[in-house]
């Protein structure tokens, strides 16, 4: 088990380094062509320019990275929607699925991630509004949404449609950690909640 986790982590790190290199090359090429039309590197949905990985997490058979523009990308196995792309299709096992071709997770209109946490088959993100959104496997209610339905494995489950985790009136998460079928958050009050 530990060997598999280390292998997945190493593969995730290699993939992020590759993504960062692709992004840098694309930005250099675009800027060399015409600096006046160089892309807005802060806009979500763009994967080139000085956008770098700032956080990475590895689940059982998938990985996610949070980038300096607040975007999140996930790759690997996706049977529970843990990649957050609205389908159960794996990403990264075929040519042309990574780099610019790997879409960002839709966190909602204008939303960016401040932190991510990756569990065995689920992911949570603390957004720029300090709200918490989670997707992927939910067989034990680990997404904190009051049901046991997976999120992210079907169309129209992500973005503005994905509910915010209700941590209590006026409460937000400062930190989040996921395990195998559960999640815990440190709230802005320094209290801890787990589900």
N, C-alpha and C. Protein backbone atom coordinates (compact mmCIF):
# COMPACT_ATOMS: atom_id res chain seq x y z
N UNK A 1 0.82 -1.19 0.00
CA UNK A 1 0.00 0.00 0.00
C UNK A 1 0.87 1.26 0.00
N UNK A 2 1.89 1.26 0.87
CA UNK A 2 2.77 2.41 0.95
C UNK A 2 3.57 2.59 -0.34
N UNK A 3 4.00 1.48 -0.92
CA UNK A 3 4.74 1.54 -2.17
C UNK A 3 3.87 2.11 -3.28
N UNK A 4 2.61 1.71 -3.34
CA UNK A 4 1.68 2.23 -4.35
C UNK A 4 1.48 3.72 -4.15
N UNK A 5 1.31 4.16 -2.90
CA UNK A 5 1.11 5.58 -2.62
C UNK A 5 2.33 6.38 -3.04
N UNK A 6 3.52 5.86 -2.77
CA UNK A 6 4.74 6.56 -3.18
C UNK A 6 4.84 6.63 -4.69
N UNK A 7 4.50 5.52 -5.36
CA UNK A 7 4.52 5.50 -6.82
C UNK A 7 3.57 6.55 -7.39
N UNK A 8 2.35 6.61 -6.87
CA UNK A 8 1.36 7.59 -7.34
C UNK A 8 1.87 9.00 -7.10
N UNK A 9 2.48 9.23 -5.93
CA UNK A 9 3.01 10.56 -5.63
C UNK A 9 4.11 10.94 -6.61
N UNK A 10 5.04 10.03 -6.88
CA UNK A 10 6.13 10.31 -7.81
C UNK A 10 5.58 10.61 -9.20
N UNK A 11 4.61 9.83 -9.66
CA UNK A 11 4.00 10.07 -10.96
C UNK A 11 3.33 11.44 -10.97
N UNK A 12 2.67 11.80 -9.88
CA UNK A 12 2.00 13.10 -9.79
C UNK A 12 3.01 14.24 -9.88
N UNK A 13 4.11 14.12 -9.17
CA UNK A 13 5.13 15.16 -9.20
C UNK A 13 5.72 15.30 -10.61
N UNK A 14 5.99 14.19 -11.25
CA UNK A 14 6.53 14.22 -12.62
C UNK A 14 5.53 14.90 -13.55
N UNK A 15 4.24 14.58 -13.41
CA UNK A 15 3.22 15.18 -14.26
C UNK A 15 3.13 16.68 -14.04
N UNK A 16 3.21 17.13 -12.79
CA UNK A 16 3.14 18.56 -12.51
C UNK A 16 4.36 19.27 -13.09
N UNK A 17 5.54 18.68 -12.92
CA UNK A 17 6.73 19.28 -13.51
C UNK A 17 6.61 19.38 -15.02
N UNK A 18 6.05 18.34 -15.64
CA UNK A 18 5.83 18.37 -17.09
C UNK A 18 4.85 19.49 -17.45
N UNK A 19 3.75 19.60 -16.71
CA UNK A 19 2.77 20.66 -16.98
C UNK A 19 3.41 22.03 -16.86
N UNK A 20 4.24 22.22 -15.83
CA UNK A 20 4.89 23.51 -15.65
C UNK A 20 5.81 23.83 -16.82
N UNK A 21 6.54 22.84 -17.32
CA UNK A 21 7.44 23.05 -18.44
C UNK A 21 6.64 23.40 -19.70
N UNK A 22 5.55 22.68 -19.95
CA UNK A 22 4.70 22.96 -21.11
C UNK A 22 4.16 24.38 -21.02
N UNK A 23 3.73 24.80 -19.85
CA UNK A 23 3.17 26.14 -19.68
C UNK A 23 4.22 27.20 -19.97
N UNK A 24 5.43 27.01 -19.48
CA UNK A 24 6.49 27.98 -19.71
C UNK A 24 6.85 28.08 -21.18
N UNK A 25 6.97 26.96 -21.87
CA UNK A 25 7.30 26.96 -23.30
C UNK A 25 6.20 27.66 -24.09
N UNK A 26 4.93 27.35 -23.78
CA UNK A 26 3.82 27.97 -24.50
C UNK A 26 3.83 29.49 -24.32
N UNK A 27 4.11 29.95 -23.12
CA UNK A 27 4.15 31.40 -22.86
C UNK A 27 5.30 32.05 -23.63
N UNK A 28 6.45 31.40 -23.65
CA UNK A 28 7.59 31.95 -24.37
C UNK A 28 7.32 32.05 -25.86
N UNK A 29 6.71 31.01 -26.42
CA UNK A 29 6.39 31.01 -27.85
C UNK A 29 5.40 32.12 -28.16
N UNK A 30 4.34 32.25 -27.36
CA UNK A 30 3.32 33.27 -27.60
C UNK A 30 3.93 34.66 -27.49
N UNK A 31 4.75 34.89 -26.47
CA UNK A 31 5.34 36.20 -26.27
C UNK A 31 6.33 36.53 -27.40
N UNK A 32 7.05 35.53 -27.89
CA UNK A 32 7.99 35.76 -28.98
C UNK A 32 7.24 36.11 -30.26
N UNK A 33 6.06 35.54 -30.47
CA UNK A 33 5.29 35.84 -31.68
C UNK A 33 4.85 37.29 -31.67
N UNK A 34 4.21 37.72 -30.60
CA UNK A 34 3.71 39.07 -30.51
C UNK A 34 3.44 39.40 -29.04
N UNK A 35 4.35 40.09 -28.37
CA UNK A 35 4.17 40.39 -26.96
C UNK A 35 2.88 41.14 -26.66
N UNK A 36 2.38 41.90 -27.61
CA UNK A 36 1.15 42.66 -27.37
C UNK A 36 -0.06 41.75 -27.25
N UNK A 37 0.02 40.56 -27.85
CA UNK A 37 -1.12 39.65 -27.78
C UNK A 37 -0.86 38.47 -26.85
N UNK A 38 0.15 38.59 -25.99
CA UNK A 38 0.43 37.52 -25.03
C UNK A 38 -0.80 37.32 -24.15
N UNK A 39 -1.08 36.09 -23.77
CA UNK A 39 -2.31 35.79 -23.05
C UNK A 39 -2.35 36.37 -21.65
N UNK A 40 -3.56 36.57 -21.15
CA UNK A 40 -3.78 36.94 -19.75
C UNK A 40 -3.55 35.70 -18.91
N UNK A 41 -2.41 35.63 -18.27
CA UNK A 41 -2.04 34.41 -17.57
C UNK A 41 -2.78 34.24 -16.25
N UNK A 42 -3.52 35.22 -15.82
CA UNK A 42 -4.27 35.10 -14.57
C UNK A 42 -5.69 34.58 -14.79
N UNK A 43 -6.11 34.52 -16.05
CA UNK A 43 -7.49 34.09 -16.33
C UNK A 43 -7.61 32.58 -16.18
N UNK A 44 -8.62 32.14 -15.44
CA UNK A 44 -8.86 30.70 -15.32
C UNK A 44 -9.21 30.14 -16.68
N UNK A 45 -8.81 28.92 -16.90
CA UNK A 45 -9.07 28.30 -18.19
C UNK A 45 -7.87 28.41 -19.11
N UNK A 46 -6.94 29.29 -18.80
CA UNK A 46 -5.71 29.41 -19.56
C UNK A 46 -4.65 28.57 -18.87
N UNK A 47 -3.87 27.85 -19.62
CA UNK A 47 -2.88 26.96 -19.02
C UNK A 47 -1.47 27.29 -19.45
N UNK A 48 -1.22 28.52 -19.89
CA UNK A 48 0.12 28.88 -20.31
C UNK A 48 0.55 30.15 -19.61
N UNK A 49 1.79 30.49 -19.76
CA UNK A 49 2.32 31.66 -19.07
C UNK A 49 2.95 31.26 -17.76
N UNK A 50 3.18 32.23 -16.92
CA UNK A 50 3.86 31.95 -15.66
C UNK A 50 2.94 31.33 -14.60
N UNK A 51 2.07 30.46 -15.01
CA UNK A 51 1.21 29.74 -14.07
C UNK A 51 2.01 28.54 -13.57
N UNK A 52 2.14 28.43 -12.27
CA UNK A 52 2.92 27.34 -11.70
C UNK A 52 2.10 26.56 -10.69
N UNK A 53 2.48 25.33 -10.48
CA UNK A 53 1.84 24.51 -9.45
C UNK A 53 2.31 24.98 -8.09
N UNK A 54 1.36 25.18 -7.17
CA UNK A 54 1.70 25.65 -5.83
C UNK A 54 1.29 24.64 -4.74
N UNK A 55 0.51 23.64 -5.14
CA UNK A 55 0.06 22.62 -4.18
C UNK A 55 -0.29 21.37 -4.96
N UNK A 56 0.01 20.22 -4.39
CA UNK A 56 -0.29 18.97 -5.07
C UNK A 56 -0.78 17.96 -4.04
N UNK A 57 -1.68 17.10 -4.48
CA UNK A 57 -2.17 16.03 -3.61
C UNK A 57 -2.39 14.77 -4.43
N UNK A 58 -2.15 13.64 -3.80
CA UNK A 58 -2.32 12.36 -4.49
C UNK A 58 -3.34 11.51 -3.74
N UNK A 59 -4.34 11.03 -4.47
CA UNK A 59 -5.30 10.09 -3.93
C UNK A 59 -4.83 8.67 -4.19
N UNK A 60 -5.75 7.74 -4.17
CA UNK A 60 -5.38 6.34 -4.35
C UNK A 60 -4.85 6.08 -5.76
N UNK A 61 -5.57 6.56 -6.78
CA UNK A 61 -5.16 6.33 -8.17
C UNK A 61 -5.30 7.60 -9.02
N UNK A 62 -5.20 8.75 -8.41
CA UNK A 62 -5.32 10.01 -9.13
C UNK A 62 -4.56 11.09 -8.36
N UNK A 63 -4.34 12.22 -9.02
CA UNK A 63 -3.64 13.34 -8.40
C UNK A 63 -4.30 14.64 -8.82
N UNK A 64 -4.11 15.68 -8.00
CA UNK A 64 -4.60 17.02 -8.32
C UNK A 64 -3.53 18.03 -7.98
N UNK A 65 -3.54 19.13 -8.72
CA UNK A 65 -2.63 20.24 -8.43
C UNK A 65 -3.42 21.53 -8.42
N UNK A 66 -3.05 22.42 -7.50
CA UNK A 66 -3.59 23.78 -7.49
C UNK A 66 -2.51 24.68 -8.05
N UNK A 67 -2.91 25.58 -8.95
CA UNK A 67 -1.97 26.44 -9.64
C UNK A 67 -2.01 27.85 -9.10
N UNK A 68 -1.00 28.62 -9.45
CA UNK A 68 -0.86 29.99 -8.94
C UNK A 68 -2.01 30.90 -9.38
N UNK A 69 -2.76 30.51 -10.39
CA UNK A 69 -3.93 31.31 -10.81
C UNK A 69 -5.20 30.89 -10.09
N UNK A 70 -5.10 29.96 -9.13
CA UNK A 70 -6.27 29.50 -8.38
C UNK A 70 -7.00 28.35 -9.05
N UNK A 71 -6.53 27.92 -10.20
CA UNK A 71 -7.16 26.80 -10.89
C UNK A 71 -6.70 25.47 -10.32
N UNK A 72 -7.54 24.45 -10.52
CA UNK A 72 -7.23 23.10 -10.06
C UNK A 72 -7.35 22.16 -11.26
N UNK A 73 -6.36 21.29 -11.41
CA UNK A 73 -6.41 20.25 -12.44
C UNK A 73 -6.17 18.91 -11.78
N UNK A 74 -6.93 17.90 -12.22
CA UNK A 74 -6.79 16.56 -11.68
C UNK A 74 -6.64 15.56 -12.82
N UNK A 75 -5.89 14.50 -12.58
CA UNK A 75 -5.67 13.48 -13.61
C UNK A 75 -5.53 12.12 -12.96
N UNK A 76 -5.73 11.08 -13.77
CA UNK A 76 -5.64 9.71 -13.28
C UNK A 76 -6.99 9.02 -13.39
N UNK A 77 -7.25 8.07 -12.49
CA UNK A 77 -8.52 7.34 -12.47
C UNK A 77 -9.65 8.30 -12.09
N UNK A 78 -10.88 7.96 -12.52
CA UNK A 78 -11.99 8.90 -12.35
C UNK A 78 -13.32 8.19 -12.20
N UNK A 79 -13.34 6.99 -11.69
CA UNK A 79 -14.59 6.22 -11.63
C UNK A 79 -15.63 6.83 -10.71
N UNK A 80 -15.24 7.69 -9.78
CA UNK A 80 -16.20 8.32 -8.86
C UNK A 80 -16.36 9.81 -9.12
N UNK A 81 -15.76 10.32 -10.21
CA UNK A 81 -15.84 11.75 -10.50
C UNK A 81 -14.80 12.56 -9.76
N UNK A 82 -13.78 11.91 -9.20
CA UNK A 82 -12.79 12.60 -8.40
C UNK A 82 -11.95 13.61 -9.19
N UNK A 83 -11.98 13.53 -10.51
CA UNK A 83 -11.27 14.53 -11.30
C UNK A 83 -12.10 15.81 -11.46
N UNK A 84 -13.39 15.74 -11.13
CA UNK A 84 -14.25 16.92 -11.16
C UNK A 84 -14.53 17.47 -12.53
N UNK A 85 -14.59 16.60 -13.54
CA UNK A 85 -14.75 17.06 -14.92
C UNK A 85 -16.10 16.72 -15.53
N UNK A 86 -17.04 16.21 -14.73
CA UNK A 86 -18.39 15.96 -15.23
C UNK A 86 -18.54 14.68 -16.02
N UNK A 87 -17.59 13.76 -15.85
CA UNK A 87 -17.69 12.46 -16.51
C UNK A 87 -16.83 11.47 -15.72
N UNK A 88 -16.93 10.17 -16.02
CA UNK A 88 -16.11 9.18 -15.32
C UNK A 88 -14.85 8.77 -16.10
N UNK A 89 -14.44 9.56 -17.07
CA UNK A 89 -13.31 9.19 -17.93
C UNK A 89 -11.97 9.48 -17.27
N UNK A 90 -11.06 8.53 -17.40
CA UNK A 90 -9.69 8.73 -16.91
C UNK A 90 -9.01 9.81 -17.74
N UNK A 91 -8.02 10.46 -17.17
CA UNK A 91 -7.21 11.45 -17.89
C UNK A 91 -5.74 11.15 -17.63
N UNK A 92 -4.95 11.25 -18.68
CA UNK A 92 -3.51 11.08 -18.55
C UNK A 92 -2.99 9.75 -19.02
N UNK A 93 -3.87 8.84 -19.40
CA UNK A 93 -3.43 7.52 -19.85
C UNK A 93 -3.24 7.48 -21.37
N UNK A 94 -3.64 8.54 -22.07
CA UNK A 94 -3.48 8.60 -23.53
C UNK A 94 -2.77 9.90 -23.91
N UNK A 95 -2.22 9.88 -25.09
CA UNK A 95 -1.55 11.08 -25.61
C UNK A 95 -2.53 12.23 -25.72
N UNK A 96 -2.04 13.43 -25.58
CA UNK A 96 -2.79 14.68 -25.75
C UNK A 96 -3.89 14.88 -24.71
N UNK A 97 -3.75 14.29 -23.53
CA UNK A 97 -4.72 14.51 -22.47
C UNK A 97 -4.21 15.43 -21.37
N UNK A 98 -2.93 15.72 -21.39
CA UNK A 98 -2.34 16.53 -20.33
C UNK A 98 -2.01 17.92 -20.86
N UNK A 99 -1.34 18.72 -20.06
CA UNK A 99 -0.96 20.07 -20.46
C UNK A 99 -2.18 20.93 -20.75
N UNK A 100 -2.15 21.64 -21.87
CA UNK A 100 -3.26 22.52 -22.23
C UNK A 100 -4.55 21.76 -22.47
N UNK A 101 -4.45 20.47 -22.79
CA UNK A 101 -5.66 19.67 -23.08
C UNK A 101 -6.38 19.20 -21.82
N UNK A 102 -5.73 19.27 -20.69
CA UNK A 102 -6.36 18.88 -19.43
C UNK A 102 -7.12 20.08 -18.88
N UNK A 103 -8.46 19.98 -18.78
CA UNK A 103 -9.22 21.15 -18.34
C UNK A 103 -9.08 21.40 -16.84
N UNK A 104 -9.31 22.65 -16.47
CA UNK A 104 -9.42 23.00 -15.05
C UNK A 104 -10.75 22.48 -14.51
N UNK A 105 -10.77 22.16 -13.23
CA UNK A 105 -12.02 21.82 -12.53
C UNK A 105 -12.85 23.10 -12.45
N UNK A 106 -14.13 23.01 -12.78
CA UNK A 106 -15.02 24.16 -12.69
C UNK A 106 -15.49 24.29 -11.25
N UNK A 107 -14.99 25.31 -10.55
CA UNK A 107 -15.33 25.54 -9.15
C UNK A 107 -16.50 26.50 -8.98
N UNK A 108 -16.96 27.08 -10.07
CA UNK A 108 -18.05 28.05 -10.02
C UNK A 108 -17.61 29.34 -10.70
N UNK A 109 -18.56 30.16 -11.07
CA UNK A 109 -18.29 31.39 -11.79
C UNK A 109 -17.32 32.28 -11.02
N UNK A 110 -16.16 32.52 -11.61
CA UNK A 110 -15.17 33.40 -11.01
C UNK A 110 -14.46 32.86 -9.79
N UNK A 111 -14.71 31.63 -9.42
CA UNK A 111 -14.14 31.07 -8.19
C UNK A 111 -12.75 30.51 -8.43
N UNK A 112 -11.91 30.67 -7.43
CA UNK A 112 -10.55 30.14 -7.44
C UNK A 112 -10.33 29.37 -6.15
N UNK A 113 -9.40 28.43 -6.18
CA UNK A 113 -9.09 27.65 -4.99
C UNK A 113 -7.92 28.28 -4.24
N UNK A 114 -8.06 28.34 -2.90
CA UNK A 114 -6.96 28.79 -2.04
C UNK A 114 -6.17 27.61 -1.50
N UNK A 115 -6.86 26.49 -1.31
CA UNK A 115 -6.24 25.27 -0.79
C UNK A 115 -7.00 24.08 -1.34
N UNK A 116 -6.32 22.95 -1.50
CA UNK A 116 -6.99 21.71 -1.86
C UNK A 116 -6.55 20.61 -0.90
N UNK A 117 -7.39 19.61 -0.79
CA UNK A 117 -7.05 18.39 -0.05
C UNK A 117 -7.56 17.22 -0.87
N UNK A 118 -6.77 16.17 -0.94
CA UNK A 118 -7.11 15.01 -1.75
C UNK A 118 -7.22 13.80 -0.83
N UNK A 119 -8.35 13.09 -0.94
CA UNK A 119 -8.55 11.86 -0.19
C UNK A 119 -8.38 10.67 -1.10
N UNK A 120 -8.84 9.52 -0.64
CA UNK A 120 -8.67 8.30 -1.42
C UNK A 120 -9.33 8.42 -2.79
N UNK A 121 -10.59 8.86 -2.84
CA UNK A 121 -11.30 9.03 -4.11
C UNK A 121 -12.12 10.32 -4.13
N UNK A 122 -11.73 11.32 -3.37
CA UNK A 122 -12.47 12.59 -3.33
C UNK A 122 -11.50 13.75 -3.13
N UNK A 123 -12.01 14.95 -3.42
CA UNK A 123 -11.20 16.17 -3.34
C UNK A 123 -12.06 17.27 -2.72
N UNK A 124 -11.45 18.13 -1.92
CA UNK A 124 -12.11 19.33 -1.43
C UNK A 124 -11.23 20.54 -1.73
N UNK A 125 -11.87 21.67 -1.96
CA UNK A 125 -11.15 22.92 -2.21
C UNK A 125 -11.75 24.02 -1.34
N UNK A 126 -10.88 24.76 -0.66
CA UNK A 126 -11.30 25.99 0.01
C UNK A 126 -11.17 27.08 -1.03
N UNK A 127 -12.28 27.75 -1.30
CA UNK A 127 -12.33 28.75 -2.37
C UNK A 127 -11.85 30.11 -1.90
N UNK A 128 -11.70 31.02 -2.84
CA UNK A 128 -11.29 32.39 -2.52
C UNK A 128 -12.31 33.11 -1.66
N UNK A 129 -13.52 32.59 -1.56
CA UNK A 129 -14.55 33.15 -0.69
C UNK A 129 -14.52 32.49 0.69
N UNK A 130 -13.60 31.55 0.90
CA UNK A 130 -13.47 30.71 2.10
C UNK A 130 -14.55 29.66 2.21
N UNK A 131 -15.40 29.56 1.19
CA UNK A 131 -16.39 28.47 1.14
C UNK A 131 -15.65 27.18 0.81
N UNK A 132 -16.28 26.05 1.12
CA UNK A 132 -15.69 24.74 0.89
C UNK A 132 -16.55 23.97 -0.11
N UNK A 133 -15.90 23.42 -1.14
CA UNK A 133 -16.58 22.56 -2.11
C UNK A 133 -15.83 21.25 -2.19
N UNK A 134 -16.58 20.14 -2.30
CA UNK A 134 -15.98 18.82 -2.37
C UNK A 134 -16.64 18.02 -3.49
N UNK A 135 -15.88 17.13 -4.12
CA UNK A 135 -16.40 16.30 -5.20
C UNK A 135 -15.70 14.95 -5.19
N UNK A 136 -16.28 14.00 -5.93
CA UNK A 136 -15.73 12.66 -6.03
C UNK A 136 -16.62 11.65 -5.34
N UNK A 137 -16.00 10.62 -4.77
CA UNK A 137 -16.74 9.54 -4.12
C UNK A 137 -17.41 10.04 -2.84
N UNK A 138 -18.63 9.55 -2.61
CA UNK A 138 -19.42 10.03 -1.48
C UNK A 138 -20.19 8.90 -0.82
N UNK A 139 -19.64 7.69 -0.82
CA UNK A 139 -20.38 6.54 -0.30
C UNK A 139 -20.57 6.56 1.20
N UNK A 140 -19.84 7.39 1.92
CA UNK A 140 -20.02 7.53 3.37
C UNK A 140 -20.41 8.95 3.76
N UNK A 141 -20.79 9.77 2.77
CA UNK A 141 -21.13 11.16 3.05
C UNK A 141 -19.92 12.06 3.24
N UNK A 142 -18.76 11.61 2.77
CA UNK A 142 -17.51 12.35 2.99
C UNK A 142 -17.45 13.69 2.26
N UNK A 143 -18.37 13.93 1.33
CA UNK A 143 -18.40 15.24 0.68
C UNK A 143 -19.11 16.28 1.52
N UNK A 144 -19.81 15.84 2.56
CA UNK A 144 -20.47 16.78 3.47
C UNK A 144 -21.69 17.46 2.89
N UNK A 145 -22.37 16.79 1.97
CA UNK A 145 -23.50 17.41 1.27
C UNK A 145 -24.86 16.85 1.69
N UNK A 146 -24.88 16.03 2.74
CA UNK A 146 -26.16 15.54 3.26
C UNK A 146 -26.74 14.39 2.48
N UNK A 147 -25.94 13.76 1.62
CA UNK A 147 -26.41 12.59 0.87
C UNK A 147 -25.22 11.68 0.60
N UNK A 148 -25.43 10.65 -0.19
CA UNK A 148 -24.34 9.72 -0.53
C UNK A 148 -24.16 9.62 -2.04
N UNK A 149 -24.43 10.71 -2.75
CA UNK A 149 -24.28 10.75 -4.20
C UNK A 149 -22.90 11.28 -4.57
N UNK A 150 -22.22 10.56 -5.46
CA UNK A 150 -20.95 11.06 -5.99
C UNK A 150 -21.20 12.37 -6.72
N UNK A 151 -20.19 13.22 -6.76
CA UNK A 151 -20.27 14.47 -7.52
C UNK A 151 -19.06 14.53 -8.46
N UNK A 152 -19.31 15.05 -9.68
CA UNK A 152 -18.24 15.23 -10.64
C UNK A 152 -18.15 14.14 -11.69
N UNK A 153 -19.00 13.11 -11.56
CA UNK A 153 -18.95 12.01 -12.53
C UNK A 153 -20.04 12.11 -13.58
N UNK A 154 -20.88 13.13 -13.50
CA UNK A 154 -21.94 13.36 -14.48
C UNK A 154 -21.99 14.83 -14.85
N UNK A 155 -22.54 15.15 -16.04
CA UNK A 155 -22.66 16.56 -16.43
C UNK A 155 -23.51 17.34 -15.43
N UNK A 156 -23.25 18.63 -15.34
CA UNK A 156 -24.03 19.57 -14.53
C UNK A 156 -23.94 19.29 -13.03
N UNK A 157 -22.85 18.71 -12.57
CA UNK A 157 -22.66 18.50 -11.14
C UNK A 157 -21.59 19.42 -10.55
N UNK A 158 -20.84 20.08 -11.40
CA UNK A 158 -19.74 20.92 -10.93
C UNK A 158 -20.09 22.40 -11.13
N UNK A 159 -19.14 23.26 -10.89
CA UNK A 159 -19.34 24.70 -11.08
C UNK A 159 -20.33 25.26 -10.08
N UNK A 160 -21.21 26.14 -10.55
CA UNK A 160 -22.20 26.76 -9.67
C UNK A 160 -23.21 25.75 -9.14
N UNK A 161 -23.35 24.61 -9.81
CA UNK A 161 -24.29 23.56 -9.39
C UNK A 161 -23.77 22.79 -8.19
N UNK A 162 -22.48 22.68 -8.03
CA UNK A 162 -21.90 21.95 -6.91
C UNK A 162 -22.14 22.72 -5.62
N UNK A 163 -22.87 22.11 -4.67
CA UNK A 163 -23.19 22.84 -3.43
C UNK A 163 -21.95 23.13 -2.59
N UNK A 164 -22.05 24.18 -1.81
CA UNK A 164 -21.04 24.51 -0.81
C UNK A 164 -21.33 23.66 0.42
N UNK A 165 -20.28 23.14 1.06
CA UNK A 165 -20.44 22.37 2.28
C UNK A 165 -20.91 23.31 3.38
N UNK A 166 -22.01 22.94 4.05
CA UNK A 166 -22.57 23.75 5.13
C UNK A 166 -21.84 23.41 6.42
N UNK A 167 -20.97 24.31 6.85
CA UNK A 167 -20.19 24.11 8.06
C UNK A 167 -20.86 24.73 9.28
N UNK A 168 -21.98 25.41 9.06
CA UNK A 168 -22.69 26.11 10.13
C UNK A 168 -22.81 27.58 9.76
N UNK A 169 -23.76 28.25 10.35
CA UNK A 169 -24.03 29.64 10.03
C UNK A 169 -22.80 30.51 10.22
N UNK A 170 -22.37 31.13 9.13
CA UNK A 170 -21.24 32.05 9.16
C UNK A 170 -19.88 31.41 9.33
N UNK A 171 -19.79 30.10 9.33
CA UNK A 171 -18.52 29.42 9.54
C UNK A 171 -17.85 29.07 8.22
N UNK A 172 -16.54 29.18 8.18
CA UNK A 172 -15.77 28.80 7.00
C UNK A 172 -14.59 27.94 7.43
N UNK A 173 -13.98 27.29 6.46
CA UNK A 173 -12.84 26.41 6.74
C UNK A 173 -11.52 27.15 6.50
N UNK A 174 -10.57 26.94 7.42
CA UNK A 174 -9.20 27.45 7.24
C UNK A 174 -8.31 26.36 6.66
N UNK A 175 -8.66 25.12 6.98
CA UNK A 175 -7.86 23.98 6.55
C UNK A 175 -8.78 22.78 6.42
N UNK A 176 -8.41 21.87 5.53
CA UNK A 176 -9.23 20.67 5.29
C UNK A 176 -8.30 19.48 5.09
N UNK A 177 -8.74 18.33 5.57
CA UNK A 177 -7.98 17.10 5.38
C UNK A 177 -8.97 15.98 5.08
N UNK A 178 -8.62 15.12 4.13
CA UNK A 178 -9.50 14.02 3.74
C UNK A 178 -8.83 12.69 4.00
N UNK A 179 -9.63 11.71 4.34
CA UNK A 179 -9.14 10.35 4.51
C UNK A 179 -9.90 9.42 3.59
N UNK A 180 -10.01 8.18 3.99
CA UNK A 180 -10.74 7.16 3.23
C UNK A 180 -12.18 7.12 3.74
N UNK A 181 -13.04 7.96 3.18
CA UNK A 181 -14.45 7.97 3.56
C UNK A 181 -14.81 8.99 4.62
N UNK A 182 -13.94 9.95 4.89
CA UNK A 182 -14.27 11.01 5.85
C UNK A 182 -13.46 12.26 5.55
N UNK A 183 -13.87 13.37 6.17
CA UNK A 183 -13.15 14.64 6.02
C UNK A 183 -13.21 15.39 7.34
N UNK A 184 -12.20 16.20 7.61
CA UNK A 184 -12.18 17.07 8.79
C UNK A 184 -11.71 18.45 8.36
N UNK A 185 -12.28 19.47 8.98
CA UNK A 185 -11.90 20.85 8.68
C UNK A 185 -11.61 21.59 9.97
N UNK A 186 -10.60 22.45 9.91
CA UNK A 186 -10.38 23.43 10.98
C UNK A 186 -11.11 24.68 10.53
N UNK A 187 -12.03 25.13 11.36
CA UNK A 187 -12.86 26.27 11.01
C UNK A 187 -12.17 27.59 11.34
N UNK A 188 -12.78 28.67 10.87
CA UNK A 188 -12.23 30.01 11.17
C UNK A 188 -12.27 30.32 12.65
N UNK A 189 -13.04 29.59 13.43
CA UNK A 189 -13.11 29.74 14.88
C UNK A 189 -12.08 28.86 15.59
N UNK A 190 -11.31 28.10 14.83
CA UNK A 190 -10.34 27.10 15.30
C UNK A 190 -10.99 25.84 15.85
N UNK A 191 -12.29 25.73 15.74
CA UNK A 191 -12.97 24.49 16.08
C UNK A 191 -12.73 23.50 14.95
N UNK A 192 -12.89 22.22 15.25
CA UNK A 192 -12.71 21.16 14.26
C UNK A 192 -14.05 20.48 14.03
N UNK A 193 -14.39 20.26 12.76
CA UNK A 193 -15.59 19.50 12.40
C UNK A 193 -15.17 18.37 11.47
N UNK A 194 -15.73 17.19 11.71
CA UNK A 194 -15.46 16.04 10.86
C UNK A 194 -16.77 15.41 10.42
N UNK A 195 -16.76 14.82 9.24
CA UNK A 195 -17.94 14.14 8.72
C UNK A 195 -17.51 12.99 7.86
